[in-house]
């Protein structure tokens, strides 16, 4: 299965580069390709493979992950006290430092040995940012930038869609809807970033239940490696409940916003590839 997945990713990366090569070549600034996929969909692995193949084609490439721009644990603790306790948990819109990501994107075309561009790395095992001394440094302007993230491209929900809780966590811990309304409002602030994308690739899972299964499998691997803060099944279920509302919204709406939609079955096999 590892070989099958590796071969599939290699083939898919090649197809994506073939599709966008002309646009990347014609772009006068770094071409910004977004890869959006829900948790466990393989977006990080695919982004790395696209980078490897793009570099082999002579295209200097950088990969940025939306996850690396989460606020630190102490900053989210402040949000939890000031806005809502559920913001202690990373993941939803409003828990990323979007301004920092925008500034990194603005600086990358001018990266050099004299003006290196640094960006944060988030340690999920410890649930906080790595110290700045361990942040990556970019010293060359890329021709291609790949931005990958679980919520990439998603638009705010209608206010009426926020009325009813979608799960037990929202019923118990957000009965008045203050958290979900705040998160939805923060999502508006992400739209200028989405508009910077030259193209959006969406990795479309079959349904939310499959996404929960994929993400739980990832956590089981962390538990097996005795990673700090790895979650057991009950903690994982509680964690994923924070994402259910917007994940269902993404599944329903993102394919229509995509430039390329990659459809997966329950085993993460590609069943369809559409360019728009």
Protein backbone atom coordinates (compact mmCIF):
# COMPACT_ATOMS: atom_id res chain seq x y z
CA UNK A 1 0.00 0.00 0.00
CA UNK A 2 2.89 2.37 0.73
CA UNK A 3 4.22 1.84 -2.77
CA UNK A 4 0.75 2.27 -4.24
CA UNK A 5 0.27 5.54 -2.39
CA UNK A 6 3.74 6.73 -3.35
CA UNK A 7 3.15 5.91 -7.02
CA UNK A 8 -0.25 7.60 -6.93
CA UNK A 9 1.21 10.76 -5.38
CA UNK A 10 4.04 10.81 -7.90
CA UNK A 11 1.61 10.46 -10.81
CA UNK A 12 -0.77 13.06 -9.40
CA UNK A 13 2.04 15.55 -8.78
CA UNK A 14 3.22 15.14 -12.37
CA UNK A 15 -0.29 15.68 -13.72
CA UNK A 16 -0.72 18.83 -11.64
CA UNK A 17 2.62 20.22 -12.81
CA UNK A 18 1.75 19.42 -16.43
CA UNK A 19 -1.54 21.28 -15.96
CA UNK A 20 -0.01 24.41 -14.44
CA UNK A 21 3.50 24.47 -16.00
CA UNK A 22 2.59 27.04 -18.66
CA UNK A 23 0.98 29.38 -16.15
CA UNK A 24 3.93 29.05 -13.76
CA UNK A 25 6.38 29.81 -16.57
CA UNK A 26 4.43 32.91 -17.70
CA UNK A 27 3.98 34.33 -14.21
CA UNK A 28 6.13 37.38 -13.48
CA UNK A 29 6.00 36.69 -9.74
CA UNK A 30 6.05 33.43 -7.78
CA UNK A 31 3.03 31.35 -8.79
CA UNK A 32 0.92 30.59 -5.71
CA UNK A 33 -0.71 27.15 -5.87
CA UNK A 34 -3.10 26.23 -3.07
CA UNK A 35 -3.70 22.61 -2.05
CA UNK A 36 -6.76 22.28 0.15
CA UNK A 37 -7.74 19.05 1.84
CA UNK A 38 -9.39 18.02 5.08
CA UNK A 39 -7.47 16.31 7.84
CA UNK A 40 -5.72 13.11 6.80
CA UNK A 41 -6.30 13.66 3.06
CA UNK A 42 -2.58 13.62 2.23
CA UNK A 43 -2.17 17.25 1.22
CA UNK A 44 1.20 17.66 2.95
CA UNK A 45 2.62 14.55 1.28
CA UNK A 46 1.32 15.66 -2.12
CA UNK A 47 2.74 19.17 -1.64
CA UNK A 48 6.19 17.72 -0.91
CA UNK A 49 6.01 15.52 -4.01
CA UNK A 50 4.98 18.45 -6.22
CA UNK A 51 7.96 20.39 -4.84
CA UNK A 52 10.36 17.50 -5.57
CA UNK A 53 9.15 17.19 -9.16
CA UNK A 54 9.02 20.95 -9.71
CA UNK A 55 12.63 21.30 -8.53
CA UNK A 56 13.60 18.47 -10.91
CA UNK A 57 12.03 20.54 -13.71
CA UNK A 58 14.19 23.51 -12.74
CA UNK A 59 11.49 25.41 -10.84
CA UNK A 60 12.68 26.74 -7.45
CA UNK A 61 9.80 25.81 -5.14
CA UNK A 62 8.79 26.44 -1.54
CA UNK A 63 6.03 24.76 0.46
CA UNK A 64 4.19 26.67 3.17
CA UNK A 65 1.69 24.97 5.47
CA UNK A 66 -1.20 26.92 6.95
CA UNK A 67 -0.76 24.73 10.07
CA UNK A 68 2.68 26.26 10.73
CA UNK A 69 1.05 29.63 11.28
CA UNK A 70 -1.08 28.58 14.25
CA UNK A 71 -0.75 30.90 17.22
CA UNK A 72 1.34 29.55 20.07
CA UNK A 73 -0.34 27.79 22.98
CA UNK A 74 0.02 30.88 25.21
CA UNK A 75 -1.56 33.13 22.56
CA UNK A 76 -4.49 30.72 22.17
CA UNK A 77 -4.82 30.65 25.96
CA UNK A 78 -5.33 34.41 25.81
CA UNK A 79 -8.00 33.98 23.13
CA UNK A 80 -9.70 31.37 25.30
CA UNK A 81 -9.93 33.85 28.18
CA UNK A 82 -10.84 36.89 26.11
CA UNK A 83 -13.22 35.38 23.54
CA UNK A 84 -14.27 31.76 24.15
CA UNK A 85 -12.79 28.69 25.89
CA UNK A 86 -13.00 26.59 22.71
CA UNK A 87 -10.30 28.77 21.12
CA UNK A 88 -7.77 27.04 23.35
CA UNK A 89 -7.80 24.31 20.67
CA UNK A 90 -5.86 25.08 17.47
CA UNK A 91 -7.42 24.61 14.07
CA UNK A 92 -10.39 26.83 13.35
CA UNK A 93 -10.16 30.20 11.58
CA UNK A 94 -8.98 32.78 14.08
CA UNK A 95 -6.23 30.52 15.47
CA UNK A 96 -3.79 31.29 12.62
CA UNK A 97 -1.56 34.36 12.36
CA UNK A 98 -2.70 35.27 8.86
CA UNK A 99 -0.86 38.62 8.88
CA UNK A 100 2.45 36.81 9.35
CA UNK A 101 1.70 34.43 6.49
CA UNK A 102 0.80 37.36 4.22
CA UNK A 103 4.07 39.11 5.11
CA UNK A 104 6.07 35.93 4.32
CA UNK A 105 4.37 35.67 0.92
CA UNK A 106 5.14 39.35 0.23
CA UNK A 107 8.82 38.88 1.15
CA UNK A 108 9.51 35.65 -0.77
CA UNK A 109 10.02 37.26 -4.22
CA UNK A 110 12.92 39.22 -2.71
CA UNK A 111 14.56 36.38 -0.74
CA UNK A 112 18.36 36.29 -0.91
CA UNK A 113 21.42 35.45 1.17
CA UNK A 114 21.45 39.04 2.40
CA UNK A 115 17.67 39.13 2.94
CA UNK A 116 16.66 35.62 4.04
CA UNK A 117 12.96 35.00 4.67
CA UNK A 118 12.08 32.98 7.76
CA UNK A 119 8.73 31.44 8.64
CA UNK A 120 7.43 29.56 11.68
CA UNK A 121 7.25 25.83 12.28
CA UNK A 122 4.51 24.47 14.51
CA UNK A 123 5.24 21.46 16.70
CA UNK A 124 1.93 19.56 16.89
CA UNK A 125 3.40 17.08 19.35
CA UNK A 126 3.87 19.94 21.84
CA UNK A 127 1.00 22.05 20.52
CA UNK A 128 3.03 25.22 20.11
CA UNK A 129 5.50 26.94 17.80
CA UNK A 130 9.11 25.91 17.62
CA UNK A 131 11.56 28.60 18.79
CA UNK A 132 12.53 31.10 16.05
CA UNK A 133 16.07 29.71 16.01
CA UNK A 134 14.61 26.56 14.41
CA UNK A 135 12.51 28.33 11.77
CA UNK A 136 13.42 27.57 8.12
CA UNK A 137 15.30 30.20 6.11
CA UNK A 138 14.68 30.86 2.43
CA UNK A 139 17.53 32.53 0.56
CA UNK A 140 16.31 32.35 -3.04
CA UNK A 141 13.16 33.70 -4.71
CA UNK A 142 10.89 30.78 -5.66
CA UNK A 143 9.19 30.39 -9.01
CA UNK A 144 6.45 28.29 -7.40
CA UNK A 145 4.97 28.56 -3.90
CA UNK A 146 2.70 25.78 -2.68
CA UNK A 147 0.39 26.70 0.20
CA UNK A 148 -1.37 23.74 1.76
CA UNK A 149 -4.00 23.70 4.50
CA UNK A 150 -7.22 22.12 5.66
CA UNK A 151 -9.43 25.21 5.34
CA UNK A 152 -7.85 26.72 2.24
CA UNK A 153 -10.34 28.49 -0.01
CA UNK A 154 -13.36 28.07 2.24
CA UNK A 155 -15.89 30.92 2.43
CA UNK A 156 -17.90 31.96 5.51
CA UNK A 157 -21.17 30.19 6.17
CA UNK A 158 -24.50 31.94 5.95
CA UNK A 159 -25.62 33.30 9.33
CA UNK A 160 -28.68 31.04 9.24
CA UNK A 161 -26.42 27.98 8.97
CA UNK A 162 -24.90 28.83 12.36
CA UNK A 163 -28.15 28.59 14.33
CA UNK A 164 -28.22 24.86 15.02
CA UNK A 165 -25.31 22.95 16.64
CA UNK A 166 -23.82 20.23 14.43
CA UNK A 167 -22.56 17.98 17.24
CA UNK A 168 -22.43 17.39 20.99
CA UNK A 169 -19.45 19.71 21.48
CA UNK A 170 -21.37 22.68 20.04
CA UNK A 171 -24.49 21.78 22.04
CA UNK A 172 -22.58 21.49 25.33
CA UNK A 173 -19.75 24.03 24.99
CA UNK A 174 -21.20 26.60 22.57
CA UNK A 175 -24.95 26.54 23.26
CA UNK A 176 -25.44 30.23 22.43
CA UNK A 177 -23.33 29.99 19.27
CA UNK A 178 -20.80 32.65 20.30
CA UNK A 179 -17.78 30.54 19.28
CA UNK A 180 -19.08 29.50 15.87
CA UNK A 181 -20.22 33.04 15.06
CA UNK A 182 -16.79 34.42 16.04
CA UNK A 183 -14.99 31.77 13.96
CA UNK A 184 -17.20 32.51 10.96
CA UNK A 185 -16.46 36.22 11.30
CA UNK A 186 -12.70 35.52 11.45
CA UNK A 187 -12.99 33.51 8.24
CA UNK A 188 -13.83 36.74 6.41
CA UNK A 189 -10.31 37.91 7.25
CA UNK A 190 -8.88 34.90 5.40
CA UNK A 191 -10.52 35.84 2.10
CA UNK A 192 -7.74 38.30 1.02
CA UNK A 193 -5.28 35.40 1.37
CA UNK A 194 -7.47 33.07 -0.68
CA UNK A 195 -7.69 35.74 -3.39
CA UNK A 196 -3.89 35.68 -3.71
CA UNK A 197 -4.03 32.05 -4.87
CA UNK A 198 -3.33 31.70 -8.58
CA UNK A 199 -4.98 28.27 -8.54
CA UNK A 200 -6.71 26.07 -5.97
CA UNK A 201 -6.42 22.27 -5.94
CA UNK A 202 -9.03 20.58 -3.74
CA UNK A 203 -8.51 17.04 -2.42
CA UNK A 204 -12.10 15.87 -2.02
CA UNK A 205 -12.81 13.17 0.56
CA UNK A 206 -16.00 11.07 0.26
CA UNK A 207 -17.58 12.34 3.49
CA UNK A 208 -16.91 13.61 7.01
CA UNK A 209 -16.98 10.14 8.58
CA UNK A 210 -14.07 9.06 6.38
CA UNK A 211 -12.12 12.21 7.30
CA UNK A 212 -12.57 11.34 10.99
CA UNK A 213 -11.22 7.87 10.31
CA UNK A 214 -8.20 9.18 8.35
CA UNK A 215 -7.29 11.68 11.06
CA UNK A 216 -7.68 9.09 13.81
CA UNK A 217 -5.27 6.81 11.96
CA UNK A 218 -2.69 9.61 11.98
CA UNK A 219 -3.05 10.01 15.73
CA UNK A 220 -2.70 6.27 16.30
CA UNK A 221 0.69 6.47 14.59
CA UNK A 222 1.71 9.31 16.93
CA UNK A 223 0.56 7.28 19.94
CA UNK A 224 2.61 4.32 18.73
CA UNK A 225 5.68 6.59 18.59
CA UNK A 226 4.88 7.91 22.11
CA UNK A 227 4.72 11.48 20.78
CA UNK A 228 4.12 14.17 23.43
CA UNK A 229 0.44 15.17 23.68
CA UNK A 230 -0.68 12.39 21.31
CA UNK A 231 -4.42 11.86 21.81
CA UNK A 232 -6.31 8.70 22.71
CA UNK A 233 -9.58 7.87 20.94
CA UNK A 234 -11.80 9.95 23.28
CA UNK A 235 -9.53 13.01 23.11
CA UNK A 236 -9.31 12.64 19.33
CA UNK A 237 -13.09 12.58 19.02
CA UNK A 238 -13.37 15.77 21.09
CA UNK A 239 -10.61 17.44 19.04
CA UNK A 240 -12.21 16.58 15.70
CA UNK A 241 -15.57 17.94 16.83
CA UNK A 242 -14.05 21.44 16.63
CA UNK A 243 -13.59 20.92 12.87
CA UNK A 244 -16.82 19.15 11.94
CA UNK A 245 -18.90 22.23 11.06
CA UNK A 246 -16.43 23.79 8.62
CA UNK A 247 -15.29 20.42 7.30
CA UNK A 248 -18.84 19.56 6.24
CA UNK A 249 -19.13 23.06 4.76
CA UNK A 250 -15.86 22.53 2.85
CA UNK A 251 -16.99 19.16 1.48
CA UNK A 252 -20.20 20.76 0.20
CA UNK A 253 -18.76 23.97 -1.26
CA UNK A 254 -15.05 23.72 -2.15
CA UNK A 255 -15.30 21.59 -5.33
CA UNK A 256 -17.26 24.39 -7.01
CA UNK A 257 -14.48 26.87 -6.11
CA UNK A 258 -11.60 24.65 -7.26
CA UNK A 259 -9.44 25.00 -10.36
CA UNK A 260 -8.64 21.29 -9.99
CA UNK A 261 -10.65 18.79 -7.94
CA UNK A 262 -9.11 15.42 -7.00
CA UNK A 263 -11.71 12.91 -5.82
CA UNK A 264 -10.74 10.13 -3.40
CA UNK A 265 -12.46 6.95 -2.24
CA UNK A 266 -12.43 5.73 1.36
CA UNK A 267 -8.95 4.19 0.90
CA UNK A 268 -7.48 7.44 -0.48
CA UNK A 269 -7.38 6.08 -4.04
CA UNK A 270 -7.92 8.76 -6.68
CA UNK A 271 -11.21 8.11 -8.46
CA UNK A 272 -11.51 11.34 -10.44
CA UNK A 273 -9.50 14.37 -11.57
CA UNK A 274 -11.28 17.43 -12.93
CA UNK A 275 -9.84 20.73 -14.18
CA UNK A 276 -12.07 23.78 -14.45
